[in-house]
Protein backbone atom coordinates (compact mmCIF):
# COMPACT_ATOMS: atom_id res chain seq x y z
CA UNK A 1 0.00 0.00 0.00
CA UNK A 2 1.08 3.56 -0.72
CA UNK A 3 0.08 6.18 1.85
CA UNK A 4 -0.11 9.91 1.17
CA UNK A 5 0.72 11.87 4.34
CA UNK A 6 -0.67 15.40 4.54
CA UNK A 7 0.23 18.18 6.99
CA UNK A 8 -1.90 21.22 6.16
CA UNK A 9 -1.13 24.67 7.54
CA UNK A 10 -3.04 27.91 7.10
CA UNK A 11 -1.26 28.81 3.85
CA UNK A 12 0.94 25.77 3.28
CA UNK A 13 0.70 22.02 2.79
CA UNK A 14 3.48 19.47 3.29
CA UNK A 15 3.21 15.97 1.86
CA UNK A 16 4.99 12.65 1.52
CA UNK A 17 4.05 9.56 -0.45
CA UNK A 18 5.32 6.48 1.41
CA UNK A 19 5.54 2.90 0.13
CA UNK A 20 4.47 0.84 3.13
CA UNK A 21 6.11 -2.34 1.81
CA UNK A 22 9.55 -0.83 2.34
CA UNK A 23 8.70 2.32 4.36
CA UNK A 24 10.56 4.28 1.67
CA UNK A 25 9.54 7.85 0.85
CA UNK A 26 8.75 7.91 -2.88
CA UNK A 27 8.06 11.63 -3.17
CA UNK A 28 7.70 14.63 -0.91
CA UNK A 29 7.05 18.31 -1.22
CA UNK A 30 5.60 21.57 -0.04
CA UNK A 31 2.85 23.84 -1.32
CA UNK A 32 3.54 27.42 -0.22
CA UNK A 33 1.54 30.66 -0.21
CA UNK A 34 -1.85 28.98 -0.71
CA UNK A 35 -4.41 31.72 -1.34
CA UNK A 36 -1.61 34.29 -1.67
CA UNK A 37 0.19 35.73 -4.69
CA UNK A 38 3.28 33.74 -5.63
CA UNK A 39 1.91 30.32 -4.66
CA UNK A 40 4.11 27.42 -5.70
CA UNK A 41 4.72 23.68 -5.33
CA UNK A 42 8.18 22.31 -4.54
CA UNK A 43 8.21 18.61 -5.42
CA UNK A 44 10.97 16.02 -4.92
CA UNK A 45 11.07 12.66 -6.66
CA UNK A 46 13.14 10.87 -4.02
CA UNK A 47 14.04 7.87 -6.16
CA UNK A 48 15.45 9.98 -8.99
CA UNK A 49 16.76 12.66 -6.65
CA UNK A 50 15.13 15.39 -8.76
CA UNK A 51 13.54 18.57 -7.46
CA UNK A 52 10.93 20.58 -9.34
CA UNK A 53 9.36 23.95 -8.52
CA UNK A 54 6.00 24.70 -10.12
CA UNK A 55 4.67 28.24 -9.81
CA UNK A 56 0.92 28.28 -10.25
CA UNK A 57 -1.99 30.05 -8.51
CA UNK A 58 -3.57 28.05 -5.68
CA UNK A 59 -6.71 29.79 -4.46
CA UNK A 60 -7.33 27.21 -1.72
CA UNK A 61 -6.21 23.87 -0.30
CA UNK A 62 -8.31 22.05 -2.90
CA UNK A 63 -6.13 23.51 -5.63
CA UNK A 64 -3.03 22.56 -3.62
CA UNK A 65 -4.13 18.93 -3.22
CA UNK A 66 -4.92 18.72 -6.94
CA UNK A 67 -1.44 20.05 -7.76
CA UNK A 68 0.09 17.44 -5.46
CA UNK A 69 -1.83 14.64 -7.20
CA UNK A 70 -0.89 16.00 -10.62
CA UNK A 71 2.79 16.07 -9.63
CA UNK A 72 2.68 12.53 -8.23
CA UNK A 73 1.24 11.11 -11.47
CA UNK A 74 3.22 13.32 -13.88
CA UNK A 75 5.15 11.23 -16.40
CA UNK A 76 8.39 13.15 -15.88
CA UNK A 77 8.47 14.08 -12.19
CA UNK A 78 5.88 11.69 -10.73
CA UNK A 79 6.24 8.35 -8.99
CA UNK A 80 2.88 6.61 -9.62
CA UNK A 81 0.87 5.81 -12.74
CA UNK A 82 -2.47 7.01 -11.38
CA UNK A 83 -4.22 8.25 -8.26
CA UNK A 84 -5.62 4.73 -7.83
CA UNK A 85 -2.26 3.66 -6.40
CA UNK A 86 -2.85 5.80 -3.30
CA UNK A 87 -4.36 3.40 -0.77
CA UNK A 88 -5.17 5.97 1.90
CA UNK A 89 -4.39 9.48 3.11
CA UNK A 90 -3.06 10.14 6.61
CA UNK A 91 -3.61 13.64 8.01
CA UNK A 92 -1.68 15.25 10.83
CA UNK A 93 -4.18 16.89 13.19
CA UNK A 94 -2.77 18.96 16.03
CA UNK A 95 -5.51 18.70 18.66
CA UNK A 96 -7.85 15.80 19.40
CA UNK A 97 -8.58 16.86 23.01
CA UNK A 98 -10.25 14.06 25.01
CA UNK A 99 -12.29 13.13 21.96
CA UNK A 100 -9.52 11.03 20.43
CA UNK A 101 -7.17 8.67 22.27
CA UNK A 102 -5.97 7.08 19.03
CA UNK A 103 -5.81 7.75 15.32
CA UNK A 104 -9.08 7.08 13.49
CA UNK A 105 -10.67 6.72 10.08
CA UNK A 106 -12.42 9.97 9.25
CA UNK A 107 -16.23 9.94 9.13
CA UNK A 108 -18.86 12.67 9.37
CA UNK A 109 -19.01 12.07 13.12
CA UNK A 110 -15.24 12.49 13.37
CA UNK A 111 -15.40 15.77 11.44
CA UNK A 112 -18.01 17.10 13.89
CA UNK A 113 -15.79 16.08 16.80
CA UNK A 114 -12.82 17.84 15.17
CA UNK A 115 -14.85 21.04 14.95
CA UNK A 116 -15.55 20.68 18.67
CA UNK A 117 -11.78 20.59 19.31
CA UNK A 118 -11.10 23.74 17.26
CA UNK A 119 -11.39 26.25 20.16
CA UNK A 120 -8.47 24.46 21.83
CA UNK A 121 -6.24 24.91 18.77
CA UNK A 122 -7.71 27.82 16.79
CA UNK A 123 -4.58 28.38 14.71
CA UNK A 124 -3.87 24.75 13.81
CA UNK A 125 -7.04 22.66 13.66
CA UNK A 126 -8.92 24.77 11.07
CA UNK A 127 -6.27 24.28 8.34
CA UNK A 128 -6.01 20.59 9.29
CA UNK A 129 -9.77 20.30 8.74
CA UNK A 130 -9.57 22.21 5.46
CA UNK A 131 -6.89 19.78 4.24
CA UNK A 132 -9.10 16.81 5.10
CA UNK A 133 -12.10 18.33 3.33
CA UNK A 134 -10.02 19.07 0.23
CA UNK A 135 -8.66 15.52 0.03
CA UNK A 136 -12.11 14.01 0.62
CA UNK A 137 -13.56 16.05 -2.24
CA UNK A 138 -10.82 15.13 -4.71
CA UNK A 139 -10.45 11.51 -3.55
CA UNK A 140 -13.94 10.55 -2.30
CA UNK A 141 -13.30 6.80 -2.42
CA UNK A 142 -9.90 6.86 -0.70
CA UNK A 143 -9.90 6.27 3.09
CA UNK A 144 -8.86 9.34 5.10
CA UNK A 145 -7.26 8.91 8.53
CA UNK A 146 -6.65 11.51 11.25
CA UNK A 147 -3.50 11.15 13.38
CA UNK A 148 -3.43 13.46 16.41
CA UNK A 149 -0.47 15.16 18.11
CA UNK A 150 -2.33 14.81 21.39
CA UNK A 151 -3.56 11.20 21.16
CA UNK A 152 -0.46 9.45 22.55
CA UNK A 153 -0.74 11.51 25.73
CA UNK A 154 -4.34 10.48 26.44
CA UNK A 155 -3.08 7.60 28.62
CA UNK A 156 -1.91 10.06 31.27
CA UNK A 157 -3.67 9.53 34.63
CA UNK A 158 -5.76 12.40 36.07
CA UNK A 159 -3.09 13.16 38.68
CA UNK A 160 -0.74 14.04 35.78
CA UNK A 161 -3.09 15.94 33.49
CA UNK A 162 -5.30 17.87 35.93
CA UNK A 163 -4.56 21.43 37.05
CA UNK A 164 -5.34 22.61 40.58
CA UNK A 165 -8.05 24.99 39.38
CA UNK A 166 -11.71 24.76 40.41
CA UNK A 167 -12.94 21.46 38.97
CA UNK A 168 -15.56 23.21 36.85
CA UNK A 169 -12.73 24.73 34.78
CA UNK A 170 -12.04 21.19 33.61
CA UNK A 171 -15.68 20.16 33.27
CA UNK A 172 -16.92 23.30 31.52
CA UNK A 173 -13.86 24.72 29.74
CA UNK A 174 -11.82 21.53 29.20
CA UNK A 175 -8.75 23.09 30.84
CA UNK A 176 -6.21 20.32 31.49
CA UNK A 177 -2.82 19.15 30.26
CA UNK A 178 -3.05 17.67 26.75
CA UNK A 179 0.57 17.48 25.57
CA UNK A 180 1.86 17.67 22.01
CA UNK A 181 4.50 16.08 19.74
CA UNK A 182 2.75 12.81 20.57
CA UNK A 183 3.38 11.26 17.17
CA UNK A 184 7.12 11.86 17.57
CA UNK A 185 7.25 10.55 21.14
CA UNK A 186 5.30 7.44 20.15
CA UNK A 187 7.62 6.75 17.21
CA UNK A 188 10.95 7.12 19.03
CA UNK A 189 9.74 5.18 22.08
CA UNK A 190 8.84 2.29 19.79
CA UNK A 191 12.16 2.52 17.96
CA UNK A 192 14.03 2.62 21.28
CA UNK A 193 12.45 -0.69 22.27
CA UNK A 194 13.69 -2.20 18.99
CA UNK A 195 17.22 -0.86 19.55
CA UNK A 196 17.24 -2.30 23.08
CA UNK A 197 15.81 -5.61 21.91
CA UNK A 198 12.91 -5.47 24.34
CA UNK A 199 9.14 -5.12 24.26
CA UNK A 200 7.80 -1.60 24.93
CA UNK A 201 5.86 -3.04 27.87
CA UNK A 202 9.15 -3.88 29.60
CA UNK A 203 10.64 -0.38 29.50
CA UNK A 204 10.56 2.94 31.33
CA UNK A 205 11.74 5.61 28.88
CA UNK A 206 12.07 9.38 28.92
CA UNK A 207 11.80 10.74 25.37
CA UNK A 208 13.21 14.22 24.73
CA UNK A 209 11.87 15.91 21.58
CA UNK A 210 14.17 18.93 21.47
CA UNK A 211 14.02 21.63 18.83
CA UNK A 212 12.53 25.07 18.33
CA UNK A 213 9.56 23.51 20.11
CA UNK A 214 10.55 21.04 22.83
CA UNK A 215 8.74 18.53 25.00
CA UNK A 216 9.73 15.71 27.34
CA UNK A 217 7.59 12.61 27.87
CA UNK A 218 7.59 9.79 30.42
CA UNK A 219 6.76 6.52 28.63
CA UNK A 220 6.08 3.62 30.99
CA UNK A 221 5.33 0.27 29.40
CA UNK A 222 4.83 1.86 25.99
CA UNK A 223 2.29 4.39 27.28
CA UNK A 224 2.62 8.07 28.11
CA UNK A 225 2.20 8.75 31.83
CA UNK A 226 3.28 12.41 31.81
CA UNK A 227 4.54 15.06 29.41
CA UNK A 228 5.95 18.57 29.73
CA UNK A 229 3.69 20.52 27.36
CA UNK A 230 0.33 21.33 28.85
CA UNK A 231 -2.97 22.97 27.88
CA UNK A 232 -0.96 24.55 25.06
CA UNK A 233 2.55 23.98 23.64
CA UNK A 234 3.77 26.93 25.75
CA UNK A 235 4.31 24.85 28.89
CA UNK A 236 7.42 22.87 29.83
CA UNK A 237 11.04 23.71 29.05
CA UNK A 238 12.21 27.02 27.51
CA UNK A 239 12.06 26.75 23.72
CA UNK A 240 13.14 28.75 20.70
CA UNK A 241 10.74 31.63 21.35
CA UNK A 242 8.40 30.20 24.04
CA UNK A 243 8.82 30.77 27.76
CA UNK A 244 8.15 27.27 28.99
CA UNK A 245 6.81 26.91 32.56
CA UNK A 246 6.79 29.99 34.77
CA UNK A 247 4.78 31.57 37.58
CA UNK A 248 1.33 32.25 36.05
CA UNK A 249 1.10 35.45 38.10
CA UNK A 250 3.62 36.97 35.66
CA UNK A 251 0.73 37.18 33.19
CA UNK A 252 -1.53 39.18 35.51
CA UNK A 253 1.43 41.34 36.55
CA UNK A 254 2.12 42.30 32.92
CA UNK A 255 -1.58 42.88 32.22
CA UNK A 256 -1.82 45.13 35.29
CA UNK A 257 1.16 47.08 33.95
CA UNK A 258 -0.84 47.85 30.82
CA UNK A 259 -0.16 45.04 28.34
CA UNK A 260 -3.18 43.45 26.68
CA UNK A 261 -3.83 39.72 26.90
CA UNK A 262 -2.96 39.45 23.20
CA UNK A 263 0.33 41.29 23.73
CA UNK A 264 1.28 39.02 26.63
CA UNK A 265 0.38 35.94 24.59
CA UNK A 266 2.58 37.19 21.73
CA UNK A 267 5.42 38.00 24.17
CA UNK A 268 5.36 34.53 25.72
CA UNK A 269 5.02 32.60 22.47
CA UNK A 270 7.09 34.58 19.97
CA UNK A 271 9.55 36.80 21.84
CA UNK A 272 10.69 34.69 24.77
CA UNK A 273 12.53 31.38 25.20
CA UNK A 274 16.21 31.16 24.39
CA UNK A 275 15.82 34.00 21.89
CA UNK A 276 14.35 36.31 24.50
CA UNK A 277 17.01 35.48 27.08
CA UNK A 278 19.97 35.60 24.71
CA UNK A 279 18.90 38.43 22.44
CA UNK A 280 20.75 36.47 19.76
CA UNK A 281 18.58 33.86 18.08
CA UNK A 282 16.14 30.99 18.54
CA UNK A 283 18.56 28.73 16.64
CA UNK A 284 20.73 26.69 19.00
CA UNK A 285 23.61 26.71 16.51
CA UNK A 286 23.71 30.51 16.67
CA UNK A 287 23.53 30.39 20.46
CA UNK A 288 26.41 27.93 20.70
CA UNK A 289 28.57 30.05 18.38
CA UNK A 290 27.76 33.20 20.37
CA UNK A 291 28.47 31.47 23.69
CA UNK A 292 31.83 30.27 22.41
CA UNK A 293 32.66 33.88 21.51
CA UNK A 294 31.95 34.93 25.10
CA UNK A 295 28.31 36.02 24.92
CA UNK A 296 27.13 35.48 28.50
CA UNK A 297 23.43 35.76 27.73
CA UNK A 298 23.70 33.11 25.01
CA UNK A 299 25.48 30.86 27.49
CA UNK A 300 22.77 31.56 30.08
CA UNK A 301 20.02 30.60 27.60
CA UNK A 302 21.75 27.30 26.82
CA UNK A 303 22.35 26.61 30.52
CA UNK A 304 18.69 27.30 31.34
CA UNK A 305 17.50 24.94 28.61
CA UNK A 306 19.82 22.08 29.63
CA UNK A 307 18.95 22.57 33.32
CA UNK A 308 15.20 22.34 32.73
CA UNK A 309 15.45 19.25 30.50
CA UNK A 310 17.68 17.63 33.13
CA UNK A 311 15.03 18.32 35.79
CA UNK A 312 12.30 16.72 33.70
CA UNK A 313 14.39 13.58 33.14
CA UNK A 314 14.96 13.26 36.88
CA UNK A 315 11.36 13.96 37.84
CA UNK A 316 9.96 11.53 35.28
CA UNK A 317 12.34 8.80 36.45
CA UNK A 318 10.92 9.40 39.94
CA UNK A 319 7.33 9.38 38.64
CA UNK A 320 7.88 6.04 36.89
CA UNK A 321 9.82 4.50 39.75
CA UNK A 322 12.88 3.93 37.58
CA UNK A 323 14.31 4.53 34.13
CA UNK A 324 15.79 2.25 31.48
CA UNK A 325 16.59 4.73 28.72
CA UNK A 326 16.72 8.38 27.73
CA UNK A 327 16.00 9.13 24.06
CA UNK A 328 17.02 12.34 22.28
CA UNK A 329 15.25 13.30 19.06
CA UNK A 330 14.23 16.22 16.78
CA UNK A 331 16.47 19.02 15.48
CA UNK A 332 18.45 19.80 18.63
CA UNK A 333 18.14 16.36 20.19
CA UNK A 334 19.47 14.60 17.11
CA UNK A 335 22.18 17.05 16.04
CA UNK A 336 23.49 18.99 19.03
CA UNK A 337 26.03 16.81 20.87
CA UNK A 338 27.06 19.68 23.14
CA UNK A 339 23.51 20.23 24.39
CA UNK A 340 22.99 16.49 24.95
CA UNK A 341 26.18 16.37 27.01
CA UNK A 342 25.11 19.37 29.08
CA UNK A 343 21.72 17.80 29.78
CA UNK A 344 23.04 14.48 31.08
CA UNK A 345 25.98 16.01 32.96
CA UNK A 346 25.32 15.40 36.66
CA UNK A 347 22.92 12.50 36.12
CA UNK A 348 25.60 9.87 36.72
CA UNK A 349 24.03 9.13 40.11
CA UNK A 350 20.99 7.82 38.19
CA UNK A 351 23.14 5.60 35.99
CA UNK A 352 23.01 8.00 33.04
CA UNK A 353 26.41 8.51 31.49
CA UNK A 354 27.45 9.03 27.86
CA UNK A 355 30.56 8.30 25.83
CA UNK A 356 31.92 11.56 24.29
CA UNK A 357 33.09 9.81 21.11
CA UNK A 358 29.76 8.03 20.58
CA UNK A 359 27.97 11.29 21.31
CA UNK A 360 29.62 12.85 18.25
CA UNK A 361 27.97 10.34 15.90
CA UNK A 362 24.83 10.97 13.82
CA UNK A 363 21.76 8.87 13.09
CA UNK A 364 20.33 6.17 15.33
CA UNK A 365 23.05 5.51 17.88
CA UNK A 366 23.54 4.31 21.45
CA UNK A 367 25.73 6.98 23.04
CA UNK A 368 25.85 5.36 26.49
CA UNK A 369 29.15 4.93 28.27
CA UNK A 370 30.24 1.31 28.72
CA UNK A 371 29.53 1.42 32.46
CA UNK A 372 26.18 3.25 32.22
CA UNK A 373 23.25 1.53 33.94
CA UNK A 374 20.74 3.52 31.87
CA UNK A 375 20.90 3.63 28.10
CA UNK A 376 21.09 6.99 26.31
CA UNK A 377 19.97 6.84 22.69
CA UNK A 378 19.77 9.25 19.78
CA UNK A 379 16.93 8.31 17.42
CA UNK A 380 15.90 10.51 14.47
CA UNK A 381 12.17 11.11 14.61
CA UNK A 382 9.91 10.32 11.67
CA UNK A 383 6.45 11.67 12.31
CA UNK A 384 5.40 11.18 8.69
CA UNK A 385 6.23 7.47 8.82
CA UNK A 386 4.38 7.15 12.14
CA UNK A 387 1.32 8.77 10.53
CA UNK A 388 1.62 6.37 7.59
CA UNK A 389 1.98 3.34 9.89
CA UNK A 390 -1.11 4.33 11.87
CA UNK A 391 -3.04 4.99 8.65
CA UNK A 392 -2.08 1.62 7.20
CA UNK A 393 -2.97 -0.16 10.47
CA UNK A 394 -6.46 1.31 10.52
CA UNK A 395 -7.22 0.86 6.81
CA UNK A 396 -6.00 -2.74 6.66
CA UNK A 397 -7.78 -3.55 9.91
């Protein structure tokens, strides 16, 4: 079966066509500036290694999906003979709230439930829904599957996901911890079990998805029992431009000083994090270079990030009553050896210790020191493949 994976944004649409026999990506691409002047499709035929840019007006996501299909079946740049070769479409959906604890085949009832989740993710869910509707219209006989960023975290117990607000805030307004990056955490936890040669049910793992957006998850027996992101992706560790956890009274303090709620929200989401502290950049490579040149604020931002991730690893080991492995993934987790070393430094008492030479390697690698009691792994994430695997599982029954 060939699965088309779709990730629709407000004015963009990413896609991959994956052959599920081999898990190979056949083609991938990006539609940019949908509904805006200068819209274009950037398409890669992975097998041939060719890249093609097609500039053509796309008034909406329906036009974008049609361009994707046309590119996939094009005799010169395509990879399939006809649309009939697409067995199903897997859609990334950011927020499934408590409505969805697993991926699901999309029906009219599912679409209504997705609309119900929209207030919890007003920037992300609407374009996800638009992408689903566009695909359904163009491919009415092809199964459509929704895969949720939040679903993996729905196994958290109430003691982990509830906030100490009046209970009616949960009952009436659905305010609770939801967590995000679930597709990534689920994928790397499963891959870690394979690397360790054990069943997921036998392992206690802390997965660290570290990048411009970062989250840490406690995975006990293959299931999420806690995660650092909360009601929104703002919670947890400091990120590229997001504050991470802080005293909530800071918000009311800033509002009382004259800032509007919208201004505070923008400050916390887009002007804070390591960029706000350093004044340099949200890119960890820039921060590292600046710190090496003596920039104290850049060094402070990196130290704050490593310190908070370290605390989450320790607290989640305590919550699970032990730890078998730490997994690093995503842009920073996979590529920044210096940050990984800073995070695990001082965790030797827990049995976490890495080998500096192994830590310099890339790809899927065990970077544990020979005498480490807890394994430390680097595993590249593959959210698109996880979406395709879930889609295939549901469609094939």
